Amino acid sequence: MREEASALAHGAATIVNAISTMKGAAFGVDLYTKAQVKLTDEPQVIESEIMSDNTENPALIQKTVAAVLKRFNLEKEFGAKVKTWSNIPIARGLKSSSAAANAVALATLSVLGETLEDLEIVKLGVLSAFEAKVTITGAFDDACASYFGGLVITDNLNCKLVKQEALDDKEYVVLFQVPPKKMYTINTDVNKLSTIKPQIEEAYNMAMNGMHWEALTLNGQCYSTAFGFNDEIATSALAAGARAAGLCGKGPTTTAVVSKDYVEQVRAVWQNFEGEVIQASLNHEKAKVVT
């Protein structure tokens, strides 16, 4: 057992949003969240600070620490003080919750001197996200992409990792068009999604058959229509040369996967829309304990 421990998990982006079918796909990007956990002798008292945005609700952090302590029957022995740092915009569809849960779970395990199988760590974070009411599907796809990196395809209903695949990280970069307004997943109106279910099933099958970038674009078009978002952000990126573009998660962020030759063209057309443009690389690095 250590006095304190830190861990880092990376961000992710949507290929197929699991909200309508409970089957999803996502891929890792090199945005990150770092968590530091210190144990205290105040059982069931978990204090937390979100250093990058102190206006956010810390419930997910607290639920994740509590879940790890409970896993080892230590919830009546320890409390914790937790800090997180992140460059992932919160509540924009960029998997900030999944990255935070993974980093916090891993740091808590490390400070306890305990280990678990990777998927069990991911599932503890998913369970905590349900309890903190920051997810509809459990976001198992997002959590796996954040934890493992690369491409993941999942059955969220059964928390099953169906497929993992490395992506060509030399050819492409990832651009995010991030509007200023936050949107929280738990407030998503799932009743709007019944009409797009067949198309999302098709997108999932495309991803399973290696057409993951085509799936990303189709998924984005469908969810943009269902949620009433302006798909012009994605279509303008495609017209400027992006390999794929579409809504990320429940929005409002749009993802574009772009070869390096077309990055500046996509950036230029996105200057016409409100918000900031963030550039990231594909990530294949697992979540890890850091010093």
C-alpha atoms as a PDB file:
ATOM      1  CA  MET A   1       0.000   0.000   0.000  1.00  0.00           C
ATOM      2  CA  ARG A   2       1.293   3.459  -0.954  1.00  0.00           C
ATOM      3  CA  GLU A   3       0.682   6.973   0.323  1.00  0.00           C
ATOM      4  CA  GLU A   4      -0.564   8.121  -3.066  1.00  0.00           C
ATOM      5  CA  ALA A   5      -0.680   6.945  -6.672  1.00  0.00           C
ATOM      6  CA  SER A   6      -1.447   8.415 -10.076  1.00  0.00           C
ATOM      7  CA  ALA A   7      -2.701   6.923 -13.319  1.00  0.00           C
ATOM      8  CA  LEU A   8      -3.438   8.136 -16.828  1.00  0.00           C
ATOM      9  CA  ALA A   9      -6.078   7.111 -19.349  1.00  0.00           C
ATOM     10  CA  HIS A  10      -6.550   8.458 -22.848  1.00  0.00           C
ATOM     11  CA  GLY A  11      -9.590   9.788 -24.646  1.00  0.00           C
ATOM     12  CA  ALA A  12     -11.659   8.189 -27.391  1.00  0.00           C
ATOM     13  CA  ALA A  13     -14.001   9.003 -30.262  1.00  0.00           C
ATOM     14  CA  THR A  14     -17.166   7.394 -31.585  1.00  0.00           C
ATOM     15  CA  ILE A  15     -17.394   5.113 -34.580  1.00  0.00           C
ATOM     16  CA  VAL A  16     -20.833   3.681 -33.733  1.00  0.00           C
ATOM     17  CA  ASN A  17     -22.848   5.186 -30.886  1.00  0.00           C
ATOM     18  CA  ALA A  18     -24.414   2.390 -28.806  1.00  0.00           C
ATOM     19  CA  ILE A  19     -27.409   4.341 -27.501  1.00  0.00           C
ATOM     20  CA  SER A  20     -29.899   3.021 -30.079  1.00  0.00           C
ATOM     21  CA  THR A  21     -28.770  -0.634 -30.321  1.00  0.00           C
ATOM     22  CA  MET A  22     -26.551  -1.260 -27.248  1.00  0.00           C
ATOM     23  CA  LYS A  23     -23.759  -2.246 -29.658  1.00  0.00           C
ATOM     24  CA  GLY A  24     -20.978   0.225 -30.254  1.00  0.00           C
ATOM     25  CA  ALA A  25     -17.555   0.937 -31.659  1.00  0.00           C
ATOM     26  CA  ALA A  26     -14.952   3.554 -30.768  1.00  0.00           C
ATOM     27  CA  PHE A  27     -11.255   4.329 -31.149  1.00  0.00           C
ATOM     28  CA  GLY A  28      -8.581   5.791 -28.906  1.00  0.00           C
ATOM     29  CA  VAL A  29      -7.079   9.268 -29.234  1.00  0.00           C
ATOM     30  CA  ASP A  30      -4.177  10.787 -27.337  1.00  0.00           C
ATOM     31  CA  LEU A  31      -6.128  13.318 -25.295  1.00  0.00           C
ATOM     32  CA  TYR A  32      -5.833  12.300 -21.643  1.00  0.00           C
ATOM     33  CA  THR A  33      -7.058  12.389 -18.062  1.00  0.00           C
ATOM     34  CA  LYS A  34      -4.684  11.944 -15.122  1.00  0.00           C
ATOM     35  CA  ALA A  35      -5.906  11.010 -11.643  1.00  0.00           C
ATOM     36  CA  GLN A  36      -4.090  11.176  -8.307  1.00  0.00           C
ATOM     37  CA  VAL A  37      -5.491   9.257  -5.335  1.00  0.00           C
ATOM     38  CA  LYS A  38      -4.435   9.574  -1.685  1.00  0.00           C
ATOM     39  CA  LEU A  39      -5.907   7.308   0.965  1.00  0.00           C
ATOM     40  CA  THR A  40      -7.210   8.766   4.225  1.00  0.00           C
ATOM     41  CA  ASP A  41      -8.325   7.291   7.549  1.00  0.00           C
ATOM     42  CA  GLU A  42     -11.853   8.708   7.127  1.00  0.00           C
ATOM     43  CA  PRO A  43     -13.890   5.755   5.847  1.00  0.00           C
ATOM     44  CA  GLN A  44     -16.504   6.529   3.163  1.00  0.00           C
ATOM     45  CA  VAL A  45     -15.359  10.152   2.893  1.00  0.00           C
ATOM     46  CA  ILE A  46     -14.117  10.712  -0.655  1.00  0.00           C
ATOM     47  CA  GLU A  47     -13.060  14.253  -1.497  1.00  0.00           C
ATOM     48  CA  SER A  48     -12.391  15.155  -5.112  1.00  0.00           C
ATOM     49  CA  GLU A  49     -11.201  18.076  -7.202  1.00  0.00           C
ATOM     50  CA  ILE A  50     -11.586  18.286 -10.974  1.00  0.00           C
ATOM     51  CA  MET A  51      -8.675  20.623 -11.615  1.00  0.00           C
ATOM     52  CA  SER A  52      -9.508  21.311 -15.274  1.00  0.00           C
ATOM     53  CA  ASP A  53     -13.143  22.287 -14.554  1.00  0.00           C
ATOM     54  CA  ASN A  54     -14.110  22.714 -10.905  1.00  0.00           C
ATOM     55  CA  THR A  55     -17.741  23.434 -11.823  1.00  0.00           C
ATOM     56  CA  GLU A  56     -18.321  19.780 -12.749  1.00  0.00           C
ATOM     57  CA  ASN A  57     -20.062  17.244 -10.529  1.00  0.00           C
ATOM     58  CA  PRO A  58     -17.468  14.888  -8.955  1.00  0.00           C
ATOM     59  CA  ALA A  59     -19.952  12.018  -8.458  1.00  0.00           C
ATOM     60  CA  LEU A  60     -18.276   9.727 -11.003  1.00  0.00           C
ATOM     61  CA  ILE A  61     -14.886  10.092  -9.324  1.00  0.00           C
ATOM     62  CA  GLN A  62     -16.356   9.366  -5.912  1.00  0.00           C
ATOM     63  CA  LYS A  63     -18.385   6.369  -7.123  1.00  0.00           C
ATOM     64  CA  THR A  64     -15.327   4.897  -8.862  1.00  0.00           C
ATOM     65  CA  VAL A  65     -13.094   5.111  -5.788  1.00  0.00           C
ATOM     66  CA  ALA A  66     -15.885   3.648  -3.668  1.00  0.00           C
ATOM     67  CA  ALA A  67     -16.350   0.759  -6.125  1.00  0.00           C
ATOM     68  CA  VAL A  68     -12.663  -0.167  -5.991  1.00  0.00           C
ATOM     69  CA  LEU A  69     -12.562   0.021  -2.192  1.00  0.00           C
ATOM     70  CA  LYS A  70     -15.703  -2.115  -1.989  1.00  0.00           C
ATOM     71  CA  ARG A  71     -14.196  -4.672  -4.381  1.00  0.00           C
ATOM     72  CA  PHE A  72     -11.545  -5.388  -1.725  1.00  0.00           C
ATOM     73  CA  ASN A  73     -13.837  -4.942   1.304  1.00  0.00           C
ATOM     74  CA  LEU A  74     -11.966  -1.806   2.338  1.00  0.00           C
ATOM     75  CA  GLU A  75     -14.810   0.710   2.218  1.00  0.00           C
ATOM     76  CA  LYS A  76     -15.043   0.786   6.025  1.00  0.00           C
ATOM     77  CA  GLU A  77     -11.304   1.221   6.433  1.00  0.00           C
ATOM     78  CA  PHE A  78     -10.337   4.040   4.057  1.00  0.00           C
ATOM     79  CA  GLY A  79     -11.512   7.235   2.484  1.00  0.00           C
ATOM     80  CA  ALA A  80      -9.662   9.126  -0.224  1.00  0.00           C
ATOM     81  CA  LYS A  81      -8.661  12.487  -1.645  1.00  0.00           C
ATOM     82  CA  VAL A  82      -8.665  12.581  -5.425  1.00  0.00           C
ATOM     83  CA  LYS A  83      -7.518  15.115  -8.012  1.00  0.00           C
ATOM     84  CA  THR A  84      -7.924  14.848 -11.765  1.00  0.00           C
ATOM     85  CA  TRP A  85      -6.363  16.822 -14.604  1.00  0.00           C
ATOM     86  CA  SER A  86      -7.526  16.566 -18.206  1.00  0.00           C
ATOM     87  CA  ASN A  87      -7.308  18.177 -21.639  1.00  0.00           C
ATOM     88  CA  ILE A  88     -10.573  16.506 -22.723  1.00  0.00           C
ATOM     89  CA  PRO A  89     -13.466  18.993 -22.886  1.00  0.00           C
ATOM     90  CA  ILE A  90     -16.201  17.808 -20.519  1.00  0.00           C
ATOM     91  CA  ALA A  91     -19.773  17.071 -21.670  1.00  0.00           C
ATOM     92  CA  ARG A  92     -18.989  17.502 -25.370  1.00  0.00           C
ATOM     93  CA  GLY A  93     -19.199  13.829 -26.435  1.00  0.00           C
ATOM     94  CA  LEU A  94     -15.445  13.242 -26.124  1.00  0.00           C
ATOM     95  CA  LYS A  95     -15.516  10.426 -23.540  1.00  0.00           C
ATOM     96  CA  SER A  96     -14.284  12.518 -20.634  1.00  0.00           C
ATOM     97  CA  SER A  97     -16.267  10.353 -18.196  1.00  0.00           C
ATOM     98  CA  SER A  98     -14.785   7.089 -19.484  1.00  0.00           C
ATOM     99  CA  ALA A  99     -11.238   8.427 -19.302  1.00  0.00           C
ATOM    100  CA  ALA A 100     -11.808   9.765 -15.788  1.00  0.00           C
ATOM    101  CA  ALA A 101     -13.297   6.495 -14.523  1.00  0.00           C
ATOM    102  CA  ASN A 102     -10.429   4.456 -15.987  1.00  0.00           C
ATOM    103  CA  ALA A 103      -7.739   6.732 -14.565  1.00  0.00           C
ATOM    104  CA  VAL A 104      -9.348   6.941 -11.130  1.00  0.00           C
ATOM    105  CA  ALA A 105      -9.937   3.178 -10.912  1.00  0.00           C
ATOM    106  CA  LEU A 106      -6.357   2.404 -11.914  1.00  0.00           C
ATOM    107  CA  ALA A 107      -4.879   4.972  -9.503  1.00  0.00           C
ATOM    108  CA  THR A 108      -7.027   3.630  -6.639  1.00  0.00           C
ATOM    109  CA  LEU A 109      -5.874   0.087  -7.329  1.00  0.00           C
ATOM    110  CA  SER A 110      -2.274   1.251  -7.376  1.00  0.00           C
ATOM    111  CA  VAL A 111      -2.498   3.115  -4.071  1.00  0.00           C
ATOM    112  CA  LEU A 112      -3.994  -0.013  -2.501  1.00  0.00           C
ATOM    113  CA  GLY A 113      -1.253  -2.179  -3.973  1.00  0.00           C
ATOM    114  CA  GLU A 114      -3.879  -4.330  -5.705  1.00  0.00           C
ATOM    115  CA  THR A 115      -4.322  -5.548  -9.272  1.00  0.00           C
ATOM    116  CA  LEU A 116      -7.273  -6.698 -11.377  1.00  0.00           C
ATOM    117  CA  GLU A 117      -7.733  -7.944 -14.926  1.00  0.00           C
ATOM    118  CA  ASP A 118      -8.013  -5.086 -17.417  1.00  0.00           C
ATOM    119  CA  LEU A 119     -11.648  -5.742 -18.287  1.00  0.00           C
ATOM    120  CA  GLU A 120     -12.629  -5.906 -14.638  1.00  0.00           C
ATOM    121  CA  ILE A 121     -11.099  -2.456 -14.142  1.00  0.00           C
ATOM    122  CA  VAL A 122     -13.077  -1.152 -17.112  1.00  0.00           C
ATOM    123  CA  LYS A 123     -16.296  -2.703 -15.786  1.00  0.00           C
ATOM    124  CA  LEU A 124     -15.820  -1.074 -12.369  1.00  0.00           C
ATOM    125  CA  GLY A 125     -15.730   2.284 -14.155  1.00  0.00           C
ATOM    126  CA  VAL A 126     -18.805   1.431 -16.219  1.00  0.00           C
ATOM    127  CA  LEU A 127     -20.723   0.431 -13.087  1.00  0.00           C
ATOM    128  CA  SER A 128     -19.677   3.678 -11.424  1.00  0.00           C
ATOM    129  CA  ALA A 129     -20.845   5.669 -14.461  1.00  0.00           C
ATOM    130  CA  PHE A 130     -24.295   4.080 -14.146  1.00  0.00           C
ATOM    131  CA  GLU A 131     -24.403   4.893 -10.434  1.00  0.00           C
ATOM    132  CA  ALA A 132     -23.273   8.465 -11.054  1.00  0.00           C
ATOM    133  CA  LYS A 133     -25.967   8.830 -13.755  1.00  0.00           C
ATOM    134  CA  VAL A 134     -23.535  10.019 -16.434  1.00  0.00           C
ATOM    135  CA  THR A 135     -24.372   7.301 -18.975  1.00  0.00           C
ATOM    136  CA  ILE A 136     -27.311   5.594 -20.682  1.00  0.00           C
ATOM    137  CA  THR A 137     -25.618   2.506 -22.128  1.00  0.00           C
ATOM    138  CA  GLY A 138     -22.742   2.200 -19.644  1.00  0.00           C
ATOM    139  CA  ALA A 139     -20.431   3.470 -22.405  1.00  0.00           C
ATOM    140  CA  PHE A 140     -18.537   0.177 -22.383  1.00  0.00           C
ATOM    141  CA  ASP A 141     -17.349   0.887 -25.945  1.00  0.00           C
ATOM    142  CA  ASP A 142     -15.950   4.278 -24.967  1.00  0.00           C
ATOM    143  CA  ALA A 143     -14.410   2.876 -21.796  1.00  0.00           C
ATOM    144  CA  CYS A 144     -12.635   0.099 -23.706  1.00  0.00           C
ATOM    145  CA  ALA A 145     -11.327   2.503 -26.355  1.00  0.00           C
ATOM    146  CA  SER A 146     -10.057   4.795 -23.614  1.00  0.00           C
ATOM    147  CA  TYR A 147      -8.444   1.973 -21.630  1.00  0.00           C
ATOM    148  CA  PHE A 148      -6.946  -0.138 -24.439  1.00  0.00           C
ATOM    149  CA  GLY A 149      -6.524   2.321 -27.304  1.00  0.00           C
ATOM    150  CA  GLY A 150      -6.961   1.320 -30.938  1.00  0.00           C
ATOM    151  CA  LEU A 151     -10.296   0.277 -32.391  1.00  0.00           C
ATOM    152  CA  VAL A 152     -12.795  -1.582 -30.215  1.00  0.00           C
ATOM    153  CA  ILE A 153     -16.188  -3.049 -31.077  1.00  0.00           C
ATOM    154  CA  THR A 154     -18.435  -4.007 -28.185  1.00  0.00           C
ATOM    155  CA  ASP A 155     -21.682  -5.474 -26.958  1.00  0.00           C
ATOM    156  CA  ASN A 156     -22.545  -2.910 -24.296  1.00  0.00           C
ATOM    157  CA  LEU A 157     -25.548  -4.803 -22.973  1.00  0.00           C
ATOM    158  CA  ASN A 158     -23.355  -7.729 -21.912  1.00  0.00           C
ATOM    159  CA  CYS A 159     -20.127  -5.750 -21.371  1.00  0.00           C
ATOM    160  CA  LYS A 160     -18.426  -7.903 -24.006  1.00  0.00           C
ATOM    161  CA  LEU A 161     -15.390  -6.799 -25.997  1.00  0.00           C
ATOM    162  CA  VAL A 162     -16.223  -8.260 -29.412  1.00  0.00           C
ATOM    163  CA  LYS A 163     -13.233  -7.105 -31.447  1.00  0.00           C
ATOM    164  CA  GLN A 164      -9.992  -5.148 -31.082  1.00  0.00           C
ATOM    165  CA  GLU A 165      -7.904  -3.845 -33.947  1.00  0.00           C
ATOM    166  CA  ALA A 166      -4.882  -1.608 -34.449  1.00  0.00           C
ATOM    167  CA  LEU A 167      -5.355   1.426 -36.671  1.00  0.00           C
ATOM    168  CA  ASP A 168      -2.943   3.107 -39.058  1.00  0.00           C
ATOM    169  CA  ASP A 169      -1.675   5.860 -36.791  1.00  0.00           C
ATOM    170  CA  LYS A 170       0.909   7.183 -39.254  1.00  0.00           C
ATOM    171  CA  GLU A 171      -1.439   8.307 -42.019  1.00  0.00           C
ATOM    172  CA  TYR A 172      -4.264   9.982 -40.102  1.00  0.00           C
ATOM    173  CA  VAL A 173      -4.797  12.641 -37.480  1.00  0.00           C
ATOM    174  CA  VAL A 174      -8.067  13.384 -35.709  1.00  0.00           C
ATOM    175  CA  LEU A 175      -9.710  16.798 -35.576  1.00  0.00           C
ATOM    176  CA  PHE A 176     -12.559  17.690 -33.237  1.00  0.00           C
ATOM    177  CA  GLN A 177     -14.847  20.651 -33.797  1.00  0.00           C
ATOM    178  CA  VAL A 178     -15.950  21.442 -30.242  1.00  0.00           C
ATOM    179  CA  PRO A 179     -18.900  23.833 -29.751  1.00  0.00           C
ATOM    180  CA  PRO A 180     -18.920  25.876 -26.533  1.00  0.00           C
ATOM    181  CA  LYS A 181     -22.187  24.489 -25.153  1.00  0.00           C
ATOM    182  CA  LYS A 182     -22.063  21.435 -22.885  1.00  0.00           C
ATOM    183  CA  MET A 183     -24.486  18.528 -23.323  1.00  0.00           C
ATOM    184  CA  TYR A 184     -24.831  15.742 -20.789  1.00  0.00           C
ATOM    185  CA  THR A 185     -25.449  12.177 -21.949  1.00  0.00           C
ATOM    186  CA  ILE A 186     -28.030  11.434 -19.264  1.00  0.00           C
ATOM    187  CA  ASN A 187     -30.264  14.184 -20.725  1.00  0.00           C
ATOM    188  CA  THR A 188     -30.362  12.551 -24.174  1.00  0.00           C
ATOM    189  CA  ASP A 189     -33.892  11.873 -25.483  1.00  0.00           C
ATOM    190  CA  VAL A 190     -33.600   8.220 -26.519  1.00  0.00           C
ATOM    191  CA  ASN A 191     -37.168   8.244 -27.865  1.00  0.00           C
ATOM    192  CA  LYS A 192     -35.857  10.055 -30.933  1.00  0.00           C
ATOM    193  CA  LEU A 193     -33.693   7.096 -31.928  1.00  0.00           C
ATOM    194  CA  SER A 194     -36.172   4.414 -32.992  1.00  0.00           C
ATOM    195  CA  THR A 195     -36.215   5.603 -36.608  1.00  0.00           C
ATOM    196  CA  ILE A 196     -32.444   5.286 -37.087  1.00  0.00           C
ATOM    197  CA  LYS A 197     -31.943   1.858 -35.518  1.00  0.00           C
ATOM    198  CA  PRO A 198     -31.694  -0.028 -38.868  1.00  0.00           C
ATOM    199  CA  GLN A 199     -29.052   2.390 -40.144  1.00  0.00           C
ATOM    200  CA  ILE A 200     -27.045   2.090 -36.911  1.00  0.00           C
ATOM    201  CA  GLU A 201     -27.194  -1.696 -37.205  1.00  0.00           C
ATOM    202  CA  GLU A 202     -25.767  -1.265 -40.699  1.00  0.00           C
ATOM    203  CA  ALA A 203     -23.014   1.015 -39.381  1.00  0.00           C
ATOM    204  CA  TYR A 204     -22.127  -1.577 -36.742  1.00  0.00           C
ATOM    205  CA  ASN A 205     -21.893  -4.306 -39.393  1.00  0.00           C
ATOM    206  CA  MET A 206     -19.705  -2.049 -41.505  1.00  0.00           C
ATOM    207  CA  ALA A 207     -17.349  -1.579 -38.568  1.00  0.00           C
ATOM    208  CA  MET A 208     -17.259  -5.327 -37.958  1.00  0.00           C
ATOM    209  CA  ASN A 209     -16.278  -5.829 -41.612  1.00  0.00           C
ATOM    210  CA  GLY A 210     -13.397  -3.364 -41.536  1.00  0.00           C
ATOM    211  CA  MET A 211     -15.258  -0.340 -42.936  1.00  0.00           C
ATOM    212  CA  HIS A 212     -14.853   1.593 -39.695  1.00  0.00           C
ATOM    213  CA  TRP A 213     -14.374   5.045 -41.213  1.00  0.00           C
ATOM    214  CA  GLU A 214     -17.443   4.625 -43.419  1.00  0.00           C
ATOM    215  CA  ALA A 215     -19.321   3.502 -40.303  1.00  0.00           C
ATOM    216  CA  LEU A 216     -18.233   6.646 -38.448  1.00  0.00           C
ATOM    217  CA  THR A 217     -19.642   8.867 -41.190  1.00  0.00           C
ATOM    218  CA  LEU A 218     -22.941   6.974 -41.481  1.00  0.00           C
ATOM    219  CA  ASN A 219     -23.373   6.898 -37.703  1.00  0.00           C
ATOM    220  CA  GLY A 220     -22.751  10.632 -37.487  1.00  0.00           C
ATOM    221  CA  GLN A 221     -25.289  11.430 -40.194  1.00  0.00           C
ATOM    222  CA  CYS A 222     -27.963   9.329 -38.483  1.00  0.00           C
ATOM    223  CA  TYR A 223     -27.484  10.684 -34.976  1.00  0.00           C
ATOM    224  CA  SER A 224     -27.197  14.270 -36.214  1.00  0.00           C
ATOM    225  CA  THR A 225     -30.584  13.871 -37.890  1.00  0.00           C
ATOM    226  CA  ALA A 226     -32.140  12.256 -34.814  1.00  0.00           C
ATOM    227  CA  PHE A 227     -30.809  14.845 -32.372  1.00  0.00           C
ATOM    228  CA  GLY A 228     -31.339  17.851 -34.629  1.00  0.00           C
ATOM    229  CA  PHE A 229     -27.684  18.781 -35.023  1.00  0.00           C
ATOM    230  CA  ASN A 230     -26.290  20.609 -38.034  1.00  0.00           C
ATOM    231  CA  ASP A 231     -24.537  17.938 -40.121  1.00  0.00           C
ATOM    232  CA  GLU A 232     -22.926  20.676 -42.210  1.00  0.00           C
ATOM    233  CA  ILE A 233     -19.905  20.607 -39.886  1.00  0.00           C
ATOM    234  CA  ALA A 234     -19.238  16.986 -40.869  1.00  0.00           C
ATOM    235  CA  THR A 235     -20.101  17.385 -44.551  1.00  0.00           C
ATOM    236  CA  SER A 236     -17.835  20.429 -44.869  1.00  0.00           C
ATOM    237  CA  ALA A 237     -14.950  18.365 -43.477  1.00  0.00           C
ATOM    238  CA  LEU A 238     -15.663  15.582 -45.976  1.00  0.00           C
ATOM    239  CA  ALA A 239     -15.770  18.090 -48.816  1.00  0.00           C
ATOM    240  CA  ALA A 240     -12.408  19.446 -47.661  1.00  0.00           C
ATOM    241  CA  GLY A 241     -10.823  15.998 -47.884  1.00  0.00           C
ATOM    242  CA  ALA A 242     -11.524  14.239 -44.560  1.00  0.00           C
ATOM    243  CA  ARG A 243     -11.521  10.428 -44.714  1.00  0.00           C
ATOM    244  CA  ALA A 244     -14.469  10.312 -42.295  1.00  0.00           C
ATOM    245  CA  ALA A 245     -16.509  12.787 -40.299  1.00  0.00           C
ATOM    246  CA  GLY A 246     -19.495  12.647 -37.998  1.00  0.00           C
ATOM    247  CA  LEU A 247     -21.042  13.441 -34.646  1.00  0.00           C
ATOM    248  CA  CYS A 248     -19.010  12.178 -31.682  1.00  0.00           C
ATOM    249  CA  GLY A 249     -21.100  10.425 -29.047  1.00  0.00           C
ATOM    250  CA  LYS A 250     -24.308  12.301 -28.320  1.00  0.00           C
ATOM    251  CA  GLY A 251     -22.606  15.515 -29.469  1.00  0.00           C
ATOM    252  CA  PRO A 252     -22.193  18.340 -29.810  1.00  0.00           C
ATOM    253  CA  THR A 253     -18.601  17.669 -30.959  1.00  0.00           C
ATOM    254  CA  THR A 254     -17.901  16.526 -34.517  1.00  0.00           C
ATOM    255  CA  THR A 255     -14.989  14.193 -35.283  1.00  0.00           C
ATOM    256  CA  ALA A 256     -13.020  14.207 -38.516  1.00  0.00           C
ATOM    257  CA  VAL A 257     -10.393  11.599 -39.392  1.00  0.00           C
ATOM    258  CA  VAL A 258      -8.036  13.353 -41.793  1.00  0.00           C
ATOM    259  CA  SER A 259      -4.903  12.385 -43.693  1.00  0.00           C
ATOM    260  CA  LYS A 260      -2.054  14.750 -42.930  1.00  0.00           C
ATOM    261  CA  ASP A 261      -2.286  16.261 -46.428  1.00  0.00           C
ATOM    262  CA  TYR A 262      -5.750  17.693 -45.732  1.00  0.00           C
ATOM    263  CA  VAL A 263      -5.522  18.881 -42.132  1.00  0.00           C
ATOM    264  CA  GLU A 264      -5.204  22.574 -42.949  1.00  0.00           C
ATOM    265  CA  GLN A 265      -8.070  22.435 -45.459  1.00  0.00           C
ATOM    266  CA  VAL A 266     -10.405  20.941 -42.849  1.00  0.00           C
ATOM    267  CA  ARG A 267      -9.230  23.406 -40.217  1.00  0.00           C
ATOM    268  CA  ALA A 268      -9.942  26.256 -42.625  1.00  0.00           C
ATOM    269  CA  VAL A 269     -13.569  25.270 -43.313  1.00  0.00           C
ATOM    270  CA  TRP A 270     -14.195  24.670 -39.618  1.00  0.00           C
ATOM    271  CA  GLN A 271     -13.258  28.258 -38.841  1.00  0.00           C
ATOM    272  CA  ASN A 272     -16.745  29.098 -40.125  1.00  0.00           C
ATOM    273  CA  PHE A 273     -18.378  27.371 -37.142  1.00  0.00           C
ATOM    274  CA  GLU A 274     -18.615  28.469 -33.525  1.00  0.00           C
ATOM    275  CA  GLY A 275     -16.230  26.683 -31.165  1.00  0.00           C
ATOM    276  CA  GLU A 276     -12.647  25.463 -31.095  1.00  0.00           C
ATOM    277  CA  VAL A 277     -10.770  22.900 -33.164  1.00  0.00           C
ATOM    278  CA  ILE A 278      -8.696  20.351 -31.251  1.00  0.00           C
ATOM    279  CA  GLN A 279      -6.147  18.119 -32.957  1.00  0.00           C
ATOM    280  CA  ALA A 280      -5.219  14.679 -31.659  1.00  0.00           C
ATOM    281  CA  SER A 281      -3.450  11.537 -32.807  1.00  0.00           C
ATOM    282  CA  LEU A 282      -4.747   7.974 -32.824  1.00  0.00           C
ATOM    283  CA  ASN A 283      -3.796   6.231 -29.594  1.00  0.00           C
ATOM    284  CA  HIS A 284      -2.805   2.587 -29.026  1.00  0.00           C
ATOM    285  CA  GLU A 285      -1.394   2.974 -25.527  1.00  0.00           C
ATOM    286  CA  LYS A 286      -3.194   1.328 -22.597  1.00  0.00           C
ATOM    287  CA  ALA A 287      -4.184   3.192 -19.464  1.00  0.00           C
ATOM    288  CA  LYS A 288      -1.278   3.054 -17.026  1.00  0.00           C
ATOM    289  CA  VAL A 289       0.025   3.943 -13.595  1.00  0.00           C
ATOM    290  CA  VAL A 290       2.381   6.935 -13.770  1.00  0.00           C
ATOM    291  CA  THR A 291       4.912   8.464 -11.387  1.00  0.00           C
END
